[in-house]
Amino acid sequence: MNLPNKITLSRIFIIPIFIILLSVPFDWGTWNIGETDLPVAHFAAALLFILAAGTDWLDGYYARKYNLVTNLGKFLDPLADKLLVSSALILLVEMNMAPAWVVILIISREFAVTGLRLVAAGESIVLAASSMGKIKTASQMIAIAVLLLHNFPFSYVGFPFGTVMLYIA
């Protein structure tokens, strides 16, 4: 197994830890930021999410730079992305930090695009990620990270940046 695939697998293994940090009521205290309180467990989960999101870029970089693209990587990388983003979005709904209808639209789009790619692959057609898809992914990652941080640093000025980014996604 090559390095990019190991990085992708590490992202998948981070997801349960991320879920536990947001689901178990750890009493690690809170930090007052702007107009809200940020539980330390949410801060830890946000850092873990940002680390995992960074590995998405890192594995692709190494795979392309060193010609280490594999069929396993082509399967695992989008799977890891969808598992990470879906779990984060669902937990944000559970925490009343994201509207369920927006999360349903985002996850439904992911299912539709994955299905379309599978049908195309069956016809030997490769549907590469477009620049709009990359913007969507970046918007999702930024929105999730900011929402996990309870809109920090924008909470100081009262601007709902995380929610705006979620709508863009």
N, C-alpha and C. Protein backbone atom coordinates (compact mmCIF):
# COMPACT_ATOMS: atom_id res chain seq x y z
N MET A 1 0.85 -1.17 0.00
CA MET A 1 0.00 0.00 0.00
C MET A 1 0.90 1.24 0.00
N ASN A 2 0.59 2.16 -0.92
CA ASN A 2 1.44 3.34 -1.05
C ASN A 2 1.05 4.44 -0.05
N LEU A 3 1.88 5.48 -0.01
CA LEU A 3 1.69 6.56 0.97
C LEU A 3 0.36 7.30 0.81
N PRO A 4 -0.06 7.69 -0.41
CA PRO A 4 -1.35 8.37 -0.51
C PRO A 4 -2.52 7.53 0.02
N ASN A 5 -2.50 6.23 -0.23
CA ASN A 5 -3.57 5.37 0.28
C ASN A 5 -3.52 5.26 1.81
N LYS A 6 -2.33 5.25 2.37
CA LYS A 6 -2.20 5.23 3.84
C LYS A 6 -2.75 6.52 4.44
N ILE A 7 -2.47 7.64 3.78
CA ILE A 7 -2.99 8.93 4.25
C ILE A 7 -4.52 8.92 4.19
N THR A 8 -5.07 8.40 3.10
CA THR A 8 -6.53 8.31 2.96
C THR A 8 -7.12 7.43 4.05
N LEU A 9 -6.50 6.29 4.31
CA LEU A 9 -6.99 5.40 5.37
C LEU A 9 -6.93 6.09 6.73
N SER A 10 -5.89 6.90 6.96
CA SER A 10 -5.81 7.61 8.24
C SER A 10 -7.01 8.55 8.39
N ARG A 11 -7.46 9.15 7.29
CA ARG A 11 -8.63 10.02 7.33
C ARG A 11 -9.88 9.22 7.74
N ILE A 12 -10.01 8.03 7.22
CA ILE A 12 -11.15 7.17 7.57
C ILE A 12 -11.09 6.78 9.04
N PHE A 13 -9.89 6.49 9.56
CA PHE A 13 -9.75 6.09 10.96
C PHE A 13 -9.94 7.26 11.93
N ILE A 14 -9.77 8.48 11.45
CA ILE A 14 -10.00 9.66 12.28
C ILE A 14 -11.49 9.89 12.52
N ILE A 15 -12.33 9.49 11.59
CA ILE A 15 -13.76 9.79 11.65
C ILE A 15 -14.43 9.31 12.94
N PRO A 16 -14.22 8.07 13.40
CA PRO A 16 -14.86 7.67 14.66
C PRO A 16 -14.44 8.51 15.87
N ILE A 17 -13.17 8.92 15.89
CA ILE A 17 -12.70 9.77 16.99
C ILE A 17 -13.41 11.12 16.93
N PHE A 18 -13.53 11.65 15.73
CA PHE A 18 -14.24 12.91 15.50
C PHE A 18 -15.69 12.80 15.99
N ILE A 19 -16.35 11.72 15.63
CA ILE A 19 -17.75 11.50 16.04
C ILE A 19 -17.87 11.42 17.56
N ILE A 20 -16.96 10.71 18.20
CA ILE A 20 -16.98 10.58 19.66
C ILE A 20 -16.81 11.94 20.33
N LEU A 21 -15.89 12.75 19.81
CA LEU A 21 -15.66 14.07 20.40
C LEU A 21 -16.92 14.94 20.39
N LEU A 22 -17.74 14.78 19.35
CA LEU A 22 -18.95 15.59 19.25
C LEU A 22 -20.17 14.93 19.87
N SER A 23 -20.12 13.63 20.09
CA SER A 23 -21.31 12.91 20.56
C SER A 23 -21.30 12.64 22.06
N VAL A 24 -20.13 12.44 22.64
CA VAL A 24 -20.03 12.13 24.06
C VAL A 24 -19.94 13.45 24.83
N PRO A 25 -20.73 13.62 25.88
CA PRO A 25 -20.71 14.89 26.61
C PRO A 25 -19.49 15.04 27.53
N PHE A 26 -18.33 15.27 26.93
CA PHE A 26 -17.11 15.48 27.70
C PHE A 26 -17.25 16.80 28.46
N ASP A 27 -16.80 16.81 29.72
CA ASP A 27 -16.85 18.02 30.53
C ASP A 27 -15.45 18.62 30.64
N TRP A 28 -14.95 19.10 29.51
CA TRP A 28 -13.62 19.67 29.46
C TRP A 28 -13.66 21.19 29.60
N GLY A 29 -14.84 21.72 29.81
CA GLY A 29 -14.98 23.16 29.96
C GLY A 29 -15.32 23.82 28.64
N THR A 30 -15.47 25.14 28.71
CA THR A 30 -15.79 25.93 27.52
C THR A 30 -14.96 27.20 27.51
N TRP A 31 -14.81 27.75 26.32
CA TRP A 31 -14.14 29.03 26.14
C TRP A 31 -15.18 30.02 25.65
N ASN A 32 -15.18 31.20 26.22
CA ASN A 32 -16.08 32.25 25.77
C ASN A 32 -15.43 32.98 24.61
N ILE A 33 -16.06 32.91 23.44
CA ILE A 33 -15.53 33.59 22.26
C ILE A 33 -16.65 34.42 21.64
N GLY A 34 -16.42 35.66 21.47
CA GLY A 34 -17.43 36.51 20.86
C GLY A 34 -18.72 36.48 21.64
N GLU A 35 -19.78 36.10 20.98
CA GLU A 35 -21.11 36.05 21.58
C GLU A 35 -21.51 34.64 22.01
N THR A 36 -20.59 33.71 22.00
CA THR A 36 -20.96 32.31 22.27
C THR A 36 -19.89 31.61 23.11
N ASP A 37 -20.25 30.44 23.60
CA ASP A 37 -19.30 29.59 24.32
C ASP A 37 -18.91 28.43 23.42
N LEU A 38 -17.63 28.14 23.37
CA LEU A 38 -17.10 27.04 22.56
C LEU A 38 -16.63 25.93 23.48
N PRO A 39 -17.34 24.79 23.50
CA PRO A 39 -16.86 23.67 24.31
C PRO A 39 -15.48 23.20 23.81
N VAL A 40 -14.61 22.87 24.73
CA VAL A 40 -13.27 22.43 24.36
C VAL A 40 -13.33 21.18 23.47
N ALA A 41 -14.29 20.29 23.72
CA ALA A 41 -14.44 19.09 22.89
C ALA A 41 -14.79 19.47 21.45
N HIS A 42 -15.58 20.52 21.25
CA HIS A 42 -15.90 20.97 19.89
C HIS A 42 -14.66 21.55 19.22
N PHE A 43 -13.84 22.26 20.01
CA PHE A 43 -12.59 22.79 19.47
C PHE A 43 -11.67 21.64 19.03
N ALA A 44 -11.57 20.61 19.86
CA ALA A 44 -10.74 19.44 19.52
C ALA A 44 -11.28 18.75 18.28
N ALA A 45 -12.60 18.62 18.19
CA ALA A 45 -13.22 18.00 17.01
C ALA A 45 -12.96 18.83 15.77
N ALA A 46 -13.03 20.16 15.90
CA ALA A 46 -12.77 21.03 14.76
C ALA A 46 -11.32 20.88 14.28
N LEU A 47 -10.38 20.83 15.22
CA LEU A 47 -8.97 20.63 14.84
C LEU A 47 -8.78 19.29 14.13
N LEU A 48 -9.43 18.26 14.64
CA LEU A 48 -9.34 16.94 14.02
C LEU A 48 -9.95 16.96 12.62
N PHE A 49 -11.08 17.65 12.47
CA PHE A 49 -11.72 17.77 11.16
C PHE A 49 -10.79 18.50 10.18
N ILE A 50 -10.19 19.60 10.64
CA ILE A 50 -9.29 20.37 9.78
C ILE A 50 -8.08 19.52 9.38
N LEU A 51 -7.55 18.74 10.31
CA LEU A 51 -6.45 17.82 10.00
C LEU A 51 -6.89 16.80 8.95
N ALA A 52 -8.05 16.21 9.15
CA ALA A 52 -8.55 15.20 8.20
C ALA A 52 -8.80 15.83 6.83
N ALA A 53 -9.38 17.03 6.82
CA ALA A 53 -9.62 17.71 5.54
C ALA A 53 -8.30 18.01 4.83
N GLY A 54 -7.29 18.35 5.60
CA GLY A 54 -5.96 18.60 5.02
C GLY A 54 -5.36 17.37 4.39
N THR A 55 -5.63 16.21 4.96
CA THR A 55 -5.10 14.98 4.37
C THR A 55 -5.73 14.69 3.01
N ASP A 56 -6.92 15.23 2.77
CA ASP A 56 -7.56 15.07 1.46
C ASP A 56 -6.70 15.73 0.39
N TRP A 57 -6.20 16.92 0.67
CA TRP A 57 -5.33 17.60 -0.27
C TRP A 57 -3.99 16.87 -0.36
N LEU A 58 -3.46 16.46 0.80
CA LEU A 58 -2.13 15.86 0.86
C LEU A 58 -2.05 14.55 0.09
N ASP A 59 -3.03 13.67 0.25
CA ASP A 59 -2.95 12.38 -0.46
C ASP A 59 -3.03 12.58 -1.97
N GLY A 60 -3.87 13.52 -2.41
CA GLY A 60 -3.95 13.79 -3.85
C GLY A 60 -2.66 14.39 -4.39
N TYR A 61 -2.05 15.26 -3.61
CA TYR A 61 -0.79 15.88 -4.02
C TYR A 61 0.29 14.81 -4.23
N TYR A 62 0.45 13.92 -3.24
CA TYR A 62 1.47 12.88 -3.35
C TYR A 62 1.15 11.88 -4.47
N ALA A 63 -0.11 11.55 -4.62
CA ALA A 63 -0.49 10.60 -5.66
C ALA A 63 -0.16 11.14 -7.06
N ARG A 64 -0.45 12.42 -7.29
CA ARG A 64 -0.17 13.02 -8.60
C ARG A 64 1.32 13.30 -8.80
N LYS A 65 1.95 13.85 -7.77
CA LYS A 65 3.36 14.24 -7.91
C LYS A 65 4.27 13.04 -8.16
N TYR A 66 4.02 11.94 -7.46
CA TYR A 66 4.89 10.77 -7.56
C TYR A 66 4.27 9.64 -8.38
N ASN A 67 3.23 9.96 -9.14
CA ASN A 67 2.56 8.99 -10.00
C ASN A 67 2.17 7.73 -9.22
N LEU A 68 1.48 7.94 -8.10
CA LEU A 68 1.06 6.84 -7.22
C LEU A 68 -0.46 6.66 -7.23
N VAL A 69 -1.09 7.07 -8.32
CA VAL A 69 -2.55 6.92 -8.44
C VAL A 69 -2.87 5.44 -8.62
N THR A 70 -3.77 4.92 -7.77
CA THR A 70 -4.17 3.52 -7.86
C THR A 70 -5.69 3.43 -7.90
N ASN A 71 -6.19 2.28 -8.33
CA ASN A 71 -7.64 2.06 -8.31
C ASN A 71 -8.17 2.09 -6.88
N LEU A 72 -7.39 1.53 -5.93
CA LEU A 72 -7.80 1.58 -4.53
C LEU A 72 -7.93 3.02 -4.06
N GLY A 73 -6.98 3.86 -4.42
CA GLY A 73 -7.03 5.27 -4.06
C GLY A 73 -8.20 5.99 -4.70
N LYS A 74 -8.49 5.66 -5.95
CA LYS A 74 -9.63 6.26 -6.64
C LYS A 74 -10.94 5.90 -5.95
N PHE A 75 -10.98 4.74 -5.32
CA PHE A 75 -12.17 4.32 -4.58
C PHE A 75 -12.19 4.91 -3.17
N LEU A 76 -11.06 4.79 -2.45
CA LEU A 76 -11.02 5.20 -1.04
C LEU A 76 -11.11 6.70 -0.83
N ASP A 77 -10.46 7.49 -1.69
CA ASP A 77 -10.41 8.93 -1.46
C ASP A 77 -11.80 9.57 -1.47
N PRO A 78 -12.62 9.36 -2.50
CA PRO A 78 -13.95 9.96 -2.44
C PRO A 78 -14.82 9.36 -1.33
N LEU A 79 -14.61 8.09 -1.03
CA LEU A 79 -15.36 7.47 0.07
C LEU A 79 -15.01 8.14 1.39
N ALA A 80 -13.72 8.35 1.63
CA ALA A 80 -13.29 9.00 2.87
C ALA A 80 -13.85 10.42 2.96
N ASP A 81 -13.83 11.13 1.84
CA ASP A 81 -14.38 12.50 1.82
C ASP A 81 -15.86 12.50 2.18
N LYS A 82 -16.61 11.61 1.56
CA LYS A 82 -18.06 11.57 1.80
C LYS A 82 -18.38 11.14 3.23
N LEU A 83 -17.62 10.20 3.76
CA LEU A 83 -17.84 9.77 5.15
C LEU A 83 -17.53 10.91 6.13
N LEU A 84 -16.43 11.60 5.90
CA LEU A 84 -16.05 12.71 6.79
C LEU A 84 -17.06 13.84 6.73
N VAL A 85 -17.39 14.29 5.52
CA VAL A 85 -18.31 15.42 5.37
C VAL A 85 -19.71 15.05 5.85
N SER A 86 -20.19 13.87 5.48
CA SER A 86 -21.54 13.47 5.90
C SER A 86 -21.65 13.35 7.41
N SER A 87 -20.66 12.74 8.04
CA SER A 87 -20.73 12.59 9.50
C SER A 87 -20.69 13.97 10.16
N ALA A 88 -19.86 14.87 9.67
CA ALA A 88 -19.78 16.21 10.24
C ALA A 88 -21.10 16.96 10.06
N LEU A 89 -21.66 16.91 8.87
CA LEU A 89 -22.92 17.62 8.62
C LEU A 89 -24.06 17.06 9.46
N ILE A 90 -24.14 15.76 9.56
CA ILE A 90 -25.21 15.15 10.37
C ILE A 90 -25.06 15.54 11.83
N LEU A 91 -23.83 15.54 12.34
CA LEU A 91 -23.61 15.96 13.72
C LEU A 91 -23.93 17.44 13.92
N LEU A 92 -23.67 18.27 12.93
CA LEU A 92 -24.03 19.69 13.03
C LEU A 92 -25.54 19.87 13.10
N VAL A 93 -26.28 19.04 12.38
CA VAL A 93 -27.75 19.08 12.49
C VAL A 93 -28.17 18.66 13.89
N GLU A 94 -27.57 17.59 14.39
CA GLU A 94 -27.88 17.10 15.74
C GLU A 94 -27.62 18.17 16.80
N MET A 95 -26.59 18.99 16.58
CA MET A 95 -26.22 20.03 17.53
C MET A 95 -26.97 21.34 17.27
N ASN A 96 -27.93 21.32 16.32
CA ASN A 96 -28.70 22.51 15.93
C ASN A 96 -27.83 23.64 15.41
N MET A 97 -26.79 23.28 14.67
CA MET A 97 -25.88 24.28 14.12
C MET A 97 -25.95 24.35 12.60
N ALA A 98 -26.75 23.47 12.00
CA ALA A 98 -26.94 23.48 10.55
C ALA A 98 -28.38 23.05 10.26
N PRO A 99 -29.03 23.70 9.31
CA PRO A 99 -30.39 23.31 8.96
C PRO A 99 -30.41 21.95 8.27
N ALA A 100 -31.33 21.10 8.69
CA ALA A 100 -31.41 19.74 8.14
C ALA A 100 -31.65 19.75 6.64
N TRP A 101 -32.48 20.67 6.15
CA TRP A 101 -32.79 20.67 4.72
C TRP A 101 -31.55 20.95 3.87
N VAL A 102 -30.64 21.79 4.35
CA VAL A 102 -29.41 22.07 3.61
C VAL A 102 -28.52 20.83 3.59
N VAL A 103 -28.42 20.17 4.74
CA VAL A 103 -27.61 18.95 4.84
C VAL A 103 -28.18 17.86 3.94
N ILE A 104 -29.49 17.72 3.91
CA ILE A 104 -30.12 16.73 3.02
C ILE A 104 -29.79 17.03 1.57
N LEU A 105 -29.86 18.28 1.17
CA LEU A 105 -29.51 18.65 -0.22
C LEU A 105 -28.06 18.31 -0.54
N ILE A 106 -27.15 18.65 0.37
CA ILE A 106 -25.73 18.40 0.14
C ILE A 106 -25.45 16.90 0.03
N ILE A 107 -25.98 16.12 0.97
CA ILE A 107 -25.73 14.67 0.94
C ILE A 107 -26.42 14.03 -0.27
N SER A 108 -27.60 14.49 -0.62
CA SER A 108 -28.30 13.96 -1.80
C SER A 108 -27.49 14.23 -3.06
N ARG A 109 -26.92 15.41 -3.16
CA ARG A 109 -26.08 15.73 -4.32
C ARG A 109 -24.89 14.78 -4.39
N GLU A 110 -24.29 14.48 -3.23
CA GLU A 110 -23.16 13.56 -3.21
C GLU A 110 -23.55 12.18 -3.72
N PHE A 111 -24.71 11.69 -3.28
CA PHE A 111 -25.21 10.39 -3.77
C PHE A 111 -25.44 10.44 -5.28
N ALA A 112 -26.04 11.52 -5.76
CA ALA A 112 -26.34 11.63 -7.19
C ALA A 112 -25.07 11.66 -8.03
N VAL A 113 -24.09 12.45 -7.61
CA VAL A 113 -22.83 12.54 -8.36
C VAL A 113 -22.09 11.21 -8.33
N THR A 114 -22.09 10.55 -7.17
CA THR A 114 -21.43 9.24 -7.07
C THR A 114 -22.11 8.23 -7.99
N GLY A 115 -23.43 8.23 -8.00
CA GLY A 115 -24.17 7.33 -8.89
C GLY A 115 -23.87 7.60 -10.35
N LEU A 116 -23.84 8.88 -10.72
CA LEU A 116 -23.52 9.26 -12.10
C LEU A 116 -22.12 8.80 -12.48
N ARG A 117 -21.17 8.97 -11.55
CA ARG A 117 -19.79 8.54 -11.83
C ARG A 117 -19.71 7.01 -11.99
N LEU A 118 -20.48 6.28 -11.19
CA LEU A 118 -20.48 4.82 -11.31
C LEU A 118 -21.04 4.37 -12.65
N VAL A 119 -22.12 5.00 -13.09
CA VAL A 119 -22.70 4.66 -14.39
C VAL A 119 -21.71 5.00 -15.50
N ALA A 120 -21.09 6.17 -15.42
CA ALA A 120 -20.11 6.57 -16.43
C ALA A 120 -18.93 5.61 -16.45
N ALA A 121 -18.46 5.21 -15.25
CA ALA A 121 -17.33 4.28 -15.18
C ALA A 121 -17.68 2.95 -15.84
N GLY A 122 -18.93 2.53 -15.69
CA GLY A 122 -19.38 1.29 -16.34
C GLY A 122 -19.33 1.38 -17.85
N GLU A 123 -19.38 2.60 -18.36
CA GLU A 123 -19.28 2.84 -19.81
C GLU A 123 -17.87 3.27 -20.21
N SER A 124 -16.90 3.11 -19.30
CA SER A 124 -15.49 3.49 -19.50
C SER A 124 -15.32 4.99 -19.73
N ILE A 125 -16.18 5.76 -19.09
CA ILE A 125 -16.07 7.22 -19.15
C ILE A 125 -15.62 7.70 -17.77
N VAL A 126 -14.57 8.52 -17.76
CA VAL A 126 -14.07 9.07 -16.50
C VAL A 126 -14.58 10.49 -16.36
N LEU A 127 -15.28 10.76 -15.26
CA LEU A 127 -15.77 12.11 -14.97
C LEU A 127 -14.86 12.73 -13.92
N ALA A 128 -13.94 13.55 -14.37
CA ALA A 128 -13.00 14.19 -13.45
C ALA A 128 -13.70 15.31 -12.68
N ALA A 129 -13.14 15.63 -11.53
CA ALA A 129 -13.68 16.72 -10.72
C ALA A 129 -13.47 18.04 -11.45
N SER A 130 -14.53 18.85 -11.48
CA SER A 130 -14.45 20.15 -12.14
C SER A 130 -14.01 21.21 -11.14
N SER A 131 -13.75 22.40 -11.64
CA SER A 131 -13.38 23.49 -10.74
C SER A 131 -14.55 23.84 -9.82
N MET A 132 -15.79 23.71 -10.30
CA MET A 132 -16.96 23.96 -9.44
C MET A 132 -17.02 22.92 -8.32
N GLY A 133 -16.67 21.68 -8.62
CA GLY A 133 -16.64 20.64 -7.60
C GLY A 133 -15.60 20.92 -6.54
N LYS A 134 -14.47 21.47 -6.97
CA LYS A 134 -13.42 21.82 -6.01
C LYS A 134 -13.85 22.99 -5.13
N ILE A 135 -14.56 23.95 -5.71
CA ILE A 135 -15.09 25.07 -4.94
C ILE A 135 -16.13 24.57 -3.94
N LYS A 136 -16.98 23.64 -4.38
CA LYS A 136 -17.98 23.05 -3.49
C LYS A 136 -17.31 22.35 -2.31
N THR A 137 -16.28 21.58 -2.58
CA THR A 137 -15.57 20.87 -1.52
C THR A 137 -14.92 21.85 -0.55
N ALA A 138 -14.25 22.86 -1.08
CA ALA A 138 -13.61 23.86 -0.22
C ALA A 138 -14.67 24.58 0.62
N SER A 139 -15.80 24.94 0.02
CA SER A 139 -16.88 25.61 0.75
C SER A 139 -17.40 24.74 1.88
N GLN A 140 -17.58 23.45 1.60
CA GLN A 140 -18.06 22.52 2.62
C GLN A 140 -17.07 22.43 3.78
N MET A 141 -15.80 22.27 3.46
CA MET A 141 -14.79 22.11 4.50
C MET A 141 -14.68 23.36 5.36
N ILE A 142 -14.70 24.52 4.72
CA ILE A 142 -14.63 25.78 5.48
C ILE A 142 -15.87 25.94 6.34
N ALA A 143 -17.04 25.69 5.75
CA ALA A 143 -18.30 25.83 6.50
C ALA A 143 -18.31 24.93 7.72
N ILE A 144 -17.94 23.68 7.54
CA ILE A 144 -17.96 22.73 8.65
C ILE A 144 -16.97 23.15 9.74
N ALA A 145 -15.76 23.51 9.34
CA ALA A 145 -14.75 23.92 10.32
C ALA A 145 -15.23 25.13 11.12
N VAL A 146 -15.76 26.14 10.44
CA VAL A 146 -16.21 27.35 11.13
C VAL A 146 -17.41 27.05 12.02
N LEU A 147 -18.34 26.23 11.55
CA LEU A 147 -19.50 25.89 12.38
C LEU A 147 -19.08 25.09 13.61
N LEU A 148 -18.12 24.17 13.45
CA LEU A 148 -17.62 23.41 14.60
C LEU A 148 -16.96 24.33 15.62
N LEU A 149 -16.40 25.42 15.14
CA LEU A 149 -15.77 26.41 16.02
C LEU A 149 -16.79 27.45 16.50
N HIS A 150 -18.07 27.15 16.31
CA HIS A 150 -19.16 28.06 16.72
C HIS A 150 -19.00 29.43 16.10
N ASN A 151 -18.63 29.44 14.82
CA ASN A 151 -18.50 30.63 13.99
C ASN A 151 -17.30 31.52 14.36
N PHE A 152 -16.36 30.96 15.11
CA PHE A 152 -15.13 31.70 15.41
C PHE A 152 -14.30 31.83 14.14
N PRO A 153 -13.68 32.93 13.84
CA PRO A 153 -13.56 34.19 14.57
C PRO A 153 -14.67 35.19 14.25
N PHE A 154 -15.61 34.81 13.43
CA PHE A 154 -16.65 35.73 12.98
C PHE A 154 -17.70 36.02 14.06
N SER A 155 -17.67 35.24 15.13
CA SER A 155 -18.62 35.46 16.22
C SER A 155 -18.39 36.80 16.90
N TYR A 156 -17.18 37.34 16.79
CA TYR A 156 -16.89 38.64 17.40
C TYR A 156 -17.66 39.78 16.73
N VAL A 157 -17.92 39.62 15.44
CA VAL A 157 -18.64 40.67 14.71
C VAL A 157 -20.08 40.29 14.42
N GLY A 158 -20.48 39.09 14.83
CA GLY A 158 -21.87 38.66 14.65
C GLY A 158 -22.24 38.29 13.23
N PHE A 159 -21.24 37.97 12.39
CA PHE A 159 -21.51 37.58 11.00
C PHE A 159 -21.58 36.06 10.91
N PRO A 160 -22.67 35.50 10.39
CA PRO A 160 -22.83 34.03 10.34
C PRO A 160 -22.05 33.40 9.18
N PHE A 161 -20.75 33.56 9.18
CA PHE A 161 -19.90 33.12 8.07
C PHE A 161 -20.05 31.63 7.79
N GLY A 162 -20.07 30.80 8.85
CA GLY A 162 -20.18 29.36 8.66
C GLY A 162 -21.47 28.98 7.95
N THR A 163 -22.56 29.62 8.32
CA THR A 163 -23.86 29.33 7.68
C THR A 163 -23.86 29.81 6.23
N VAL A 164 -23.28 30.96 5.97
CA VAL A 164 -23.19 31.47 4.60
C VAL A 164 -22.39 30.50 3.73
N MET A 165 -21.27 30.02 4.24
CA MET A 165 -20.45 29.06 3.49
C MET A 165 -21.19 27.75 3.25
N LEU A 166 -21.99 27.35 4.23
CA LEU A 166 -22.79 26.13 4.07
C LEU A 166 -23.80 26.31 2.94
N TYR A 167 -24.44 27.47 2.86
CA TYR A 167 -25.39 27.74 1.77
C TYR A 167 -24.67 27.77 0.42
N ILE A 168 -23.46 28.31 0.39
CA ILE A 168 -22.68 28.31 -0.85
C ILE A 168 -22.38 26.88 -1.30
N ALA A 169 -22.05 26.03 -0.34
CA ALA A 169 -21.75 24.63 -0.65
C ALA A 169 -22.97 23.95 -1.23
